[in-house]
Protein backbone atom coordinates (compact mmCIF):
# COMPACT_ATOMS: atom_id res chain seq x y z
CA MET A 1 108.83 80.47 95.35
CA SER A 2 106.50 77.67 96.39
CA THR A 3 103.43 76.80 94.36
CA ILE A 4 101.07 77.84 97.16
CA LEU A 5 102.87 81.17 97.63
CA GLU A 6 102.59 81.86 93.90
CA GLU A 7 98.88 81.03 94.14
CA ILE A 8 98.51 83.48 97.04
CA HIS A 9 100.21 86.23 95.01
CA GLN A 10 97.96 85.54 92.01
CA ALA A 11 94.79 85.56 94.13
CA TYR A 12 95.49 88.90 95.85
CA GLU A 13 96.91 90.77 92.84
CA PRO A 14 93.60 91.43 91.03
CA ILE A 15 92.04 92.97 94.15
CA GLY A 16 95.00 95.31 94.69
CA VAL A 17 96.74 93.65 97.62
CA ARG A 18 100.49 93.03 97.55
CA VAL A 19 101.96 89.99 99.30
CA GLY A 20 105.30 90.96 100.85
CA ALA A 21 108.35 89.23 102.20
CA PRO A 22 108.16 86.57 104.93
CA ILE A 23 107.66 87.98 108.43
CA ALA A 24 107.74 84.90 110.68
CA PHE A 25 109.82 81.82 109.96
CA GLY A 26 108.89 82.03 106.28
CA THR A 27 105.31 80.93 106.85
CA TYR A 28 103.53 84.29 107.18
CA TYR A 29 103.64 87.16 104.71
CA ARG A 30 102.62 90.80 105.12
CA LEU A 31 99.68 92.04 103.06
CA THR A 32 99.82 95.68 101.96
CA CYS A 33 97.73 97.98 99.81
CA GLU A 34 99.15 98.07 96.31
CA LYS A 35 98.36 101.80 96.00
CA CYS A 36 99.41 103.40 99.29
CA GLY A 37 101.40 100.64 101.03
CA LYS A 38 99.27 100.49 104.19
CA ILE A 39 99.57 97.20 106.07
CA LEU A 40 96.34 95.21 105.76
CA GLY A 41 97.29 92.08 107.65
CA ASN A 42 99.13 88.81 107.17
CA VAL A 43 98.58 85.58 105.31
CA GLY A 44 100.04 82.16 106.01
CA ASP A 45 101.28 79.72 103.40
CA LYS A 46 99.73 76.65 105.02
CA LEU A 47 96.67 76.73 102.75
CA LEU A 48 95.43 73.94 100.55
CA PRO A 49 95.65 74.38 96.77
CA GLY A 50 92.70 76.45 95.52
CA MET A 51 91.78 77.67 98.99
CA ILE A 52 93.02 81.28 98.73
CA LYS A 53 91.22 81.94 95.44
CA SER A 54 88.01 80.71 97.03
CA LEU A 55 88.54 82.87 100.12
CA ILE A 56 89.21 86.02 98.07
CA ASP A 57 86.12 85.34 95.95
CA GLN A 58 84.01 84.95 99.11
CA GLU A 59 85.39 88.27 100.43
CA PHE A 60 84.82 90.12 97.14
CA ASP A 61 81.63 91.84 98.33
CA LEU A 62 83.39 93.07 101.47
CA TYR A 63 86.24 94.54 99.39
CA ALA A 64 83.72 96.12 96.99
CA ALA A 65 81.80 97.76 99.82
CA GLY A 66 85.00 99.07 101.41
CA LEU A 67 84.57 96.94 104.52
CA VAL A 68 87.81 95.01 103.95
CA GLY A 69 90.99 96.44 102.53
CA CYS A 70 92.55 99.84 102.76
CA SER A 71 90.84 103.07 103.77
CA CYS A 72 92.27 104.72 100.62
CA GLY A 73 89.60 102.79 98.68
CA HIS A 74 91.95 101.02 96.29
CA GLN A 75 90.49 97.54 96.82
CA ALA A 76 86.94 98.87 96.33
CA GLU A 77 88.07 100.49 93.07
CA ARG A 78 89.71 97.27 91.92
CA ALA A 79 86.60 95.25 92.82
CA LYS A 80 84.47 97.62 90.75
CA ALA A 81 86.87 97.29 87.81
CA LEU A 82 86.74 93.49 88.07
CA ASP A 83 82.95 93.17 88.28
CA ALA A 84 81.03 96.47 88.36
CA LYS A 85 77.58 94.91 88.64
CA ARG A 86 78.52 92.68 91.58
CA ALA A 87 80.43 95.53 93.26
CA GLU A 88 77.46 97.93 93.05
CA ALA A 89 75.08 95.27 94.37
CA ALA A 90 77.43 94.59 97.29
CA LYS A 91 77.68 98.30 98.13
CA LYS A 92 73.89 98.62 98.23
CA ARG A 93 73.40 95.44 100.22
CA LEU A 94 76.14 96.09 102.78
CA ALA A 95 75.83 99.87 103.18
């Protein structure tokens, strides 16, 4: 596994998103909900080191408010478990 792909896995894991097998020429990977398996989208491996962690951090409030992620609510639950204060503030601000 490439360094950037490992970084992608590590960035999505805490928020409850699983990075699957390659779907297109080994450069795009399916994102699924860790809880229910619903497809959430795709991610490419042509990112710069450190970029995915920054992107996930910037999207944290959207996950916490349930605006990004799965409709089962798993990512919102994980966001709350990671940082309850920030998650609650995001829900109030984005509701």
